[in-house]
C-alpha atoms as a PDB file:
ATOM      1  CA  MET A   1       0.043  -0.038  -0.007  1.00  0.00           C
ATOM      2  CA  THR A   2       1.392   3.399  -0.924  1.00  0.00           C
ATOM      3  CA  ALA A   3       1.334   6.440   1.320  1.00  0.00           C
ATOM      4  CA  GLY A   4      -1.299   8.106  -0.874  1.00  0.00           C
ATOM      5  CA  GLN A   5      -3.582   5.098  -0.643  1.00  0.00           C
ATOM      6  CA  GLY A   6      -3.133   4.911   3.139  1.00  0.00           C
ATOM      7  CA  GLY A   7      -3.987   8.581   3.416  1.00  0.00           C
ATOM      8  CA  GLY A   8      -7.074   8.159   1.252  1.00  0.00           C
ATOM      9  CA  ILE A   9      -8.398   5.370   3.429  1.00  0.00           C
ATOM     10  CA  ILE A  10      -7.858   7.455   6.571  1.00  0.00           C
ATOM     11  CA  PHE A  11      -9.743  10.362   5.103  1.00  0.00           C
ATOM     12  CA  ARG A  12     -12.617   8.095   4.018  1.00  0.00           C
ATOM     13  CA  LEU A  13     -12.771   6.603   7.536  1.00  0.00           C
ATOM     14  CA  LEU A  14     -12.769  10.048   9.074  1.00  0.00           C
ATOM     15  CA  GLY A  15     -15.536  11.109   6.725  1.00  0.00           C
ATOM     16  CA  LEU A  16     -17.558   8.016   7.664  1.00  0.00           C
ATOM     17  CA  MET A  17     -17.047   8.707  11.343  1.00  0.00           C
ATOM     18  CA  ALA A  18     -18.154  12.285  10.939  1.00  0.00           C
ATOM     19  CA  LEU A  19     -21.267  11.149   9.000  1.00  0.00           C
ATOM     20  CA  CYS A  20     -22.103   8.644  11.743  1.00  0.00           C
ATOM     21  CA  LEU A  21     -21.567  11.283  14.421  1.00  0.00           C
ATOM     22  CA  PHE A  22     -23.860  13.720  12.557  1.00  0.00           C
ATOM     23  CA  ALA A  23     -26.523  11.029  12.181  1.00  0.00           C
ATOM     24  CA  GLY A  24     -26.197  10.246  15.927  1.00  0.00           C
ATOM     25  CA  VAL A  25     -26.696  13.912  16.858  1.00  0.00           C
ATOM     26  CA  ILE A  26     -29.746  14.168  14.634  1.00  0.00           C
ATOM     27  CA  TYR A  27     -31.231  11.011  16.141  1.00  0.00           C
ATOM     28  CA  VAL A  28     -30.648  12.194  19.726  1.00  0.00           C
ATOM     29  CA  ALA A  29     -32.051  15.706  18.941  1.00  0.00           C
ATOM     30  CA  ARG A  30     -34.895  14.430  16.790  1.00  0.00           C
ATOM     31  CA  HIS A  31     -37.638  15.281  19.183  1.00  0.00           C
ATOM     32  CA  PRO A  32     -36.612  18.912  19.851  1.00  0.00           C
ATOM     33  CA  LEU A  33     -36.119  19.424  16.105  1.00  0.00           C
ATOM     34  CA  LEU A  34     -39.500  17.988  15.226  1.00  0.00           C
ATOM     35  CA  GLN A  35     -41.130  20.169  17.939  1.00  0.00           C
ATOM     36  CA  LEU A  36     -39.289  23.185  16.511  1.00  0.00           C
ATOM     37  CA  ALA A  37     -40.516  22.371  13.031  1.00  0.00           C
ATOM     38  CA  ALA A  38     -44.159  22.175  14.272  1.00  0.00           C
ATOM     39  CA  ARG A  39     -43.914  25.399  16.227  1.00  0.00           C
ATOM     40  CA  PHE A  40     -42.693  27.244  13.102  1.00  0.00           C
ATOM     41  CA  TRP A  41     -46.190  27.029  11.720  1.00  0.00           C
ATOM     42  CA  ILE A  42     -47.820  28.409  14.846  1.00  0.00           C
ATOM     43  CA  VAL A  43     -47.894  32.161  15.220  1.00  0.00           C
ATOM     44  CA  GLN A  44     -49.885  34.321  17.678  1.00  0.00           C
ATOM     45  CA  ASP A  45     -50.373  38.003  17.200  1.00  0.00           C
ATOM     46  CA  ARG A  46     -51.138  40.374  19.991  1.00  0.00           C
ATOM     47  CA  VAL A  47     -54.908  40.625  20.325  1.00  0.00           C
ATOM     48  CA  THR A  48     -56.264  44.165  20.076  1.00  0.00           C
ATOM     49  CA  PRO A  49     -59.723  45.579  19.661  1.00  0.00           C
ATOM     50  CA  ALA A  50     -61.149  44.842  16.232  1.00  0.00           C
ATOM     51  CA  ASP A  51     -64.166  45.632  14.033  1.00  0.00           C
ATOM     52  CA  ALA A  52     -64.865  41.951  13.520  1.00  0.00           C
ATOM     53  CA  ILE A  53     -63.683  38.486  14.482  1.00  0.00           C
ATOM     54  CA  ILE A  54     -63.544  36.111  11.483  1.00  0.00           C
ATOM     55  CA  VAL A  55     -63.635  32.371  11.982  1.00  0.00           C
ATOM     56  CA  ILE A  56     -62.426  30.579   8.847  1.00  0.00           C
ATOM     57  CA  GLY A  57     -63.313  27.088   7.795  1.00  0.00           C
ATOM     58  CA  ASP A  58     -62.918  24.195   8.144  1.00  0.00           C
ATOM     59  CA  ASP A  59     -63.388  23.884  11.904  1.00  0.00           C
ATOM     60  CA  ASN A  60     -62.882  20.442  13.462  1.00  0.00           C
ATOM     61  CA  PHE A  61     -65.428  18.180  15.177  1.00  0.00           C
ATOM     62  CA  SER A  62     -64.811  19.858  18.575  1.00  0.00           C
ATOM     63  CA  ALA A  63     -65.370  23.319  17.019  1.00  0.00           C
ATOM     64  CA  VAL A  64     -62.158  24.663  18.525  1.00  0.00           C
ATOM     65  CA  ARG A  65     -62.137  27.721  16.213  1.00  0.00           C
ATOM     66  CA  ALA A  66     -65.719  28.687  17.115  1.00  0.00           C
ATOM     67  CA  THR A  67     -64.894  28.145  20.777  1.00  0.00           C
ATOM     68  CA  GLU A  68     -61.878  30.483  20.620  1.00  0.00           C
ATOM     69  CA  ALA A  69     -63.809  33.112  18.663  1.00  0.00           C
ATOM     70  CA  ALA A  70     -66.698  32.984  21.152  1.00  0.00           C
ATOM     71  CA  ALA A  71     -64.266  33.515  24.053  1.00  0.00           C
ATOM     72  CA  LEU A  72     -62.751  36.536  22.199  1.00  0.00           C
ATOM     73  CA  PHE A  73     -66.225  37.977  21.552  1.00  0.00           C
ATOM     74  CA  LYS A  74     -67.333  37.597  25.188  1.00  0.00           C
ATOM     75  CA  ALA A  75     -64.043  39.248  26.244  1.00  0.00           C
ATOM     76  CA  GLY A  76     -65.142  42.277  24.262  1.00  0.00           C
ATOM     77  CA  TRP A  77     -62.515  42.312  21.510  1.00  0.00           C
ATOM     78  CA  ALA A  78     -65.018  42.812  18.650  1.00  0.00           C
ATOM     79  CA  PRO A  79     -68.796  43.441  18.289  1.00  0.00           C
ATOM     80  CA  VAL A  80     -69.423  40.783  15.577  1.00  0.00           C
ATOM     81  CA  VAL A  81     -68.159  37.357  14.593  1.00  0.00           C
ATOM     82  CA  VAL A  82     -68.081  36.198  10.946  1.00  0.00           C
ATOM     83  CA  ALA A  83     -68.766  32.447  10.529  1.00  0.00           C
ATOM     84  CA  SER A  84     -67.002  31.743   7.217  1.00  0.00           C
ATOM     85  CA  GLY A  85     -67.459  28.371   5.510  1.00  0.00           C
ATOM     86  CA  ARG A  86     -67.849  26.731   2.111  1.00  0.00           C
ATOM     87  CA  MET A  87     -71.083  25.431   0.694  1.00  0.00           C
ATOM     88  CA  LEU A  88     -71.698  21.718   1.348  1.00  0.00           C
ATOM     89  CA  ARG A  89     -75.035  21.542  -0.448  1.00  0.00           C
ATOM     90  CA  PRO A  90     -77.148  24.116  -2.225  1.00  0.00           C
ATOM     91  CA  TYR A  91     -79.109  24.538   0.966  1.00  0.00           C
ATOM     92  CA  ALA A  92     -76.355  24.167   3.650  1.00  0.00           C
ATOM     93  CA  SER A  93     -72.804  25.304   4.323  1.00  0.00           C
ATOM     94  CA  LEU A  94     -70.068  25.049   6.948  1.00  0.00           C
ATOM     95  CA  ALA A  95     -70.819  28.672   7.775  1.00  0.00           C
ATOM     96  CA  ASP A  96     -74.252  27.557   9.072  1.00  0.00           C
ATOM     97  CA  LEU A  97     -72.597  24.962  11.326  1.00  0.00           C
ATOM     98  CA  ILE A  98     -70.024  27.475  12.632  1.00  0.00           C
ATOM     99  CA  ALA A  99     -72.813  30.015  13.281  1.00  0.00           C
ATOM    100  CA  LYS A 100     -74.651  27.439  15.399  1.00  0.00           C
ATOM    101  CA  ASP A 101     -71.393  26.578  17.236  1.00  0.00           C
ATOM    102  CA  LEU A 102     -70.882  30.234  18.033  1.00  0.00           C
ATOM    103  CA  GLU A 103     -74.487  30.742  19.257  1.00  0.00           C
ATOM    104  CA  SER A 104     -74.298  27.595  21.436  1.00  0.00           C
ATOM    105  CA  ARG A 105     -71.160  29.127  23.047  1.00  0.00           C
ATOM    106  CA  GLY A 106     -72.848  32.312  24.014  1.00  0.00           C
ATOM    107  CA  VAL A 107     -72.571  34.579  21.000  1.00  0.00           C
ATOM    108  CA  PRO A 108     -75.964  36.239  20.313  1.00  0.00           C
ATOM    109  CA  SER A 109     -77.385  35.469  16.898  1.00  0.00           C
ATOM    110  CA  SER A 110     -77.493  39.204  16.219  1.00  0.00           C
ATOM    111  CA  ALA A 111     -73.689  39.335  16.533  1.00  0.00           C
ATOM    112  CA  VAL A 112     -73.095  36.422  14.136  1.00  0.00           C
ATOM    113  CA  VAL A 113     -72.530  37.062  10.482  1.00  0.00           C
ATOM    114  CA  PRO A 114     -72.829  33.795   8.466  1.00  0.00           C
ATOM    115  CA  PHE A 115     -70.721  33.965   5.302  1.00  0.00           C
ATOM    116  CA  SER A 116     -71.095  31.116   2.878  1.00  0.00           C
ATOM    117  CA  HIS A 117     -68.861  30.865  -0.203  1.00  0.00           C
ATOM    118  CA  SER A 118     -67.544  28.471  -2.834  1.00  0.00           C
ATOM    119  CA  ALA A 119     -63.859  28.725  -1.941  1.00  0.00           C
ATOM    120  CA  THR A 120     -61.894  25.518  -1.905  1.00  0.00           C
ATOM    121  CA  ASP A 121     -58.721  26.642  -0.108  1.00  0.00           C
ATOM    122  CA  THR A 122     -57.460  29.425   2.176  1.00  0.00           C
ATOM    123  CA  ARG A 123     -56.420  31.729  -0.617  1.00  0.00           C
ATOM    124  CA  GLU A 124     -59.861  31.615  -2.278  1.00  0.00           C
ATOM    125  CA  GLU A 125     -61.512  32.069   1.129  1.00  0.00           C
ATOM    126  CA  ALA A 126     -59.410  35.156   1.748  1.00  0.00           C
ATOM    127  CA  GLU A 127     -60.473  36.555  -1.632  1.00  0.00           C
ATOM    128  CA  ALA A 128     -64.130  35.946  -0.793  1.00  0.00           C
ATOM    129  CA  LEU A 129     -63.736  37.525   2.622  1.00  0.00           C
ATOM    130  CA  ARG A 130     -61.992  40.540   1.122  1.00  0.00           C
ATOM    131  CA  VAL A 131     -65.315  41.418  -0.544  1.00  0.00           C
ATOM    132  CA  LEU A 132     -67.112  41.297   2.786  1.00  0.00           C
ATOM    133  CA  VAL A 133     -64.446  43.267   4.630  1.00  0.00           C
ATOM    134  CA  VAL A 134     -64.514  46.044   1.971  1.00  0.00           C
ATOM    135  CA  GLN A 135     -68.333  46.111   1.904  1.00  0.00           C
ATOM    136  CA  LYS A 136     -68.502  46.466   5.687  1.00  0.00           C
ATOM    137  CA  GLY A 137     -65.763  49.048   5.794  1.00  0.00           C
ATOM    138  CA  TRP A 138     -63.857  47.153   8.508  1.00  0.00           C
ATOM    139  CA  ARG A 139     -60.371  48.334   9.250  1.00  0.00           C
ATOM    140  CA  ARG A 140     -59.339  45.978  12.031  1.00  0.00           C
ATOM    141  CA  VAL A 141     -59.906  42.227  11.680  1.00  0.00           C
ATOM    142  CA  LEU A 142     -59.123  39.430  14.154  1.00  0.00           C
ATOM    143  CA  LEU A 143     -58.729  36.136  12.304  1.00  0.00           C
ATOM    144  CA  VAL A 144     -59.293  32.884  14.196  1.00  0.00           C
ATOM    145  CA  THR A 145     -58.058  29.575  12.809  1.00  0.00           C
ATOM    146  CA  SER A 146     -56.381  26.353  14.103  1.00  0.00           C
ATOM    147  CA  ASN A 147     -52.960  26.797  15.677  1.00  0.00           C
ATOM    148  CA  TYR A 148     -51.101  24.853  12.938  1.00  0.00           C
ATOM    149  CA  HIS A 149     -52.798  26.960  10.205  1.00  0.00           C
ATOM    150  CA  THR A 150     -51.932  30.372  11.629  1.00  0.00           C
ATOM    151  CA  ARG A 151     -48.716  31.145   9.709  1.00  0.00           C
ATOM    152  CA  ARG A 152     -50.105  30.220   6.308  1.00  0.00           C
ATOM    153  CA  ALA A 153     -53.420  32.034   6.992  1.00  0.00           C
ATOM    154  CA  ARG A 154     -51.663  35.199   8.127  1.00  0.00           C
ATOM    155  CA  TYR A 155     -49.343  35.237   5.097  1.00  0.00           C
ATOM    156  CA  ILE A 156     -52.319  34.762   2.664  1.00  0.00           C
ATOM    157  CA  PHE A 157     -54.732  37.173   4.293  1.00  0.00           C
ATOM    158  CA  ARG A 158     -52.143  39.920   4.602  1.00  0.00           C
ATOM    159  CA  LYS A 159     -51.482  39.511   0.866  1.00  0.00           C
ATOM    160  CA  ILE A 160     -55.134  39.540  -0.068  1.00  0.00           C
ATOM    161  CA  LEU A 161     -56.786  42.025   2.303  1.00  0.00           C
ATOM    162  CA  PRO A 162     -56.482  45.809   1.512  1.00  0.00           C
ATOM    163  CA  ASP A 163     -53.462  47.540   2.869  1.00  0.00           C
ATOM    164  CA  ASN A 164     -55.656  49.785   5.070  1.00  0.00           C
ATOM    165  CA  VAL A 165     -56.976  46.698   6.967  1.00  0.00           C
ATOM    166  CA  SER A 166     -55.105  45.705  10.071  1.00  0.00           C
ATOM    167  CA  LEU A 167     -55.014  41.949  10.555  1.00  0.00           C
ATOM    168  CA  ALA A 168     -54.179  39.968  13.709  1.00  0.00           C
ATOM    169  CA  VAL A 169     -54.249  36.188  13.820  1.00  0.00           C
ATOM    170  CA  ASP A 170     -55.264  34.130  16.828  1.00  0.00           C
ATOM    171  CA  GLY A 171     -54.718  30.397  16.918  1.00  0.00           C
ATOM    172  CA  ALA A 172     -57.108  27.902  18.462  1.00  0.00           C
ATOM    173  CA  ALA A 173     -55.328  25.021  20.177  1.00  0.00           C
ATOM    174  CA  ASP A 174     -56.281  21.824  18.314  1.00  0.00           C
ATOM    175  CA  PRO A 175     -56.233  18.651  20.374  1.00  0.00           C
ATOM    176  CA  GLN A 176     -55.374  16.705  17.237  1.00  0.00           C
ATOM    177  CA  PHE A 177     -52.213  18.705  16.703  1.00  0.00           C
ATOM    178  CA  ASP A 178     -49.872  18.627  19.774  1.00  0.00           C
ATOM    179  CA  PRO A 179     -46.619  20.413  18.761  1.00  0.00           C
ATOM    180  CA  SER A 180     -44.704  18.477  21.413  1.00  0.00           C
ATOM    181  CA  LYS A 181     -45.462  15.061  19.850  1.00  0.00           C
ATOM    182  CA  TRP A 182     -47.245  15.649  16.565  1.00  0.00           C
ATOM    183  CA  TRP A 183     -45.272  12.905  14.746  1.00  0.00           C
ATOM    184  CA  GLU A 184     -47.015  10.254  16.880  1.00  0.00           C
ATOM    185  CA  SER A 185     -50.424  11.062  15.367  1.00  0.00           C
ATOM    186  CA  ARG A 186     -51.381  10.263  11.807  1.00  0.00           C
ATOM    187  CA  GLN A 187     -53.821  13.193  11.744  1.00  0.00           C
ATOM    188  CA  ALA A 188     -51.146  15.577  13.034  1.00  0.00           C
ATOM    189  CA  ARG A 189     -48.573  14.313  10.528  1.00  0.00           C
ATOM    190  CA  LYS A 190     -51.052  14.879   7.778  1.00  0.00           C
ATOM    191  CA  ALA A 191     -51.781  18.451   9.002  1.00  0.00           C
ATOM    192  CA  PHE A 192     -48.027  19.192   9.237  1.00  0.00           C
ATOM    193  CA  PHE A 193     -47.184  18.067   5.749  1.00  0.00           C
ATOM    194  CA  LEU A 194     -50.318  19.730   4.276  1.00  0.00           C
ATOM    195  CA  GLU A 195     -49.286  22.983   5.888  1.00  0.00           C
ATOM    196  CA  THR A 196     -45.778  22.663   4.511  1.00  0.00           C
ATOM    197  CA  VAL A 197     -47.040  22.067   0.961  1.00  0.00           C
ATOM    198  CA  GLY A 198     -49.816  24.622   1.295  1.00  0.00           C
ATOM    199  CA  TYR A 199     -47.544  27.374   2.479  1.00  0.00           C
ATOM    200  CA  LEU A 200     -45.018  26.819  -0.273  1.00  0.00           C
ATOM    201  CA  ASP A 201     -47.848  26.730  -2.803  1.00  0.00           C
ATOM    202  CA  ALA A 202     -49.238  30.029  -1.396  1.00  0.00           C
ATOM    203  CA  VAL A 203     -45.842  31.726  -1.612  1.00  0.00           C
ATOM    204  CA  TRP A 204     -45.543  30.555  -5.216  1.00  0.00           C
ATOM    205  CA  GLU A 205     -49.019  31.630  -6.214  1.00  0.00           C
ATOM    206  CA  LEU A 206     -48.830  35.044  -4.517  1.00  0.00           C
ATOM    207  CA  ARG A 207     -45.131  35.718  -5.404  1.00  0.00           C
ATOM    208  CA  ASN A 208     -45.983  38.489  -7.845  1.00  0.00           C
ATOM    209  CA  GLN A 209     -48.922  39.954  -5.976  1.00  0.00           C
ATOM    210  CA  PRO A 210     -48.256  43.055  -3.875  1.00  0.00           C
ATOM    211  CA  SER A 211     -49.802  43.059  -0.404  1.00  0.00           C
ATOM    212  CA  GLY A 212     -53.317  44.373  -0.382  1.00  0.00           C
ATOM    213  CA  ALA A 213     -53.869  43.900  -4.115  1.00  0.00           C
ATOM    214  CA  PRO A 214     -56.978  42.031  -5.240  1.00  0.00           C
ATOM    215  CA  SER A 215     -56.447  38.729  -6.970  1.00  0.00           C
ATOM    216  CA  ALA A 216     -57.365  38.370 -10.661  1.00  0.00           C
ATOM    217  CA  GLY A 217     -59.966  35.807  -9.584  1.00  0.00           C
ATOM    218  CA  LEU A 218     -61.518  37.868  -6.839  1.00  0.00           C
ATOM    219  CA  ALA A 219     -64.730  38.607  -8.723  1.00  0.00           C
ATOM    220  CA  LEU A 220     -65.469  34.889  -8.941  1.00  0.00           C
ATOM    221  CA  PHE A 221     -65.949  34.554  -5.203  1.00  0.00           C
ATOM    222  CA  GLN A 222     -69.008  36.336  -3.994  1.00  0.00           C
ATOM    223  CA  PRO A 223     -70.937  35.447  -0.807  1.00  0.00           C
ATOM    224  CA  PHE A 224     -74.080  33.295  -1.138  1.00  0.00           C
END
């Protein structure tokens, strides 16, 4: 064996040892890293008085978004709550269900604004809600969604809503998405990866759209 060959083997062994060490560190630190990854999607803005609280669909079986919005309403943060949701049938929508959830949690029916639409994703829902916000002349909006959905929702709504509308996002804790151990639940894993893909897709779709500018498809999304 020549000196060059011996040196090459040593370097390869050192490289293999470094790779094994790196893999070992990642394995040992996997839980904190996975928790950090989940918490990246969760944002919480400072809650301030607003013209309206908007609950966006789809809420889960426990109605955590409606529950959070009702608590904010009863705390006096806004005089009305918008129950936003897509049409399920020509005669029923998720907005109807969220409105009932809000009323059952103490929000008077006179303070609930059902808002049915045909949006199929968060961006389209933001475009539909932009119409309502402009029509009502609201300048301060408090948006309620699930905790894992907050970063994507805030990014999209701040892009879609007019510049003169102040937006704050409040996340409802979802029992199906525990940031400390989300990888153990199939439902939470699905939510995590859908948020990752959804956020990247939103950034791509809205890359050339200035904040506050209406989307080209805005006119297609009118409330029912």
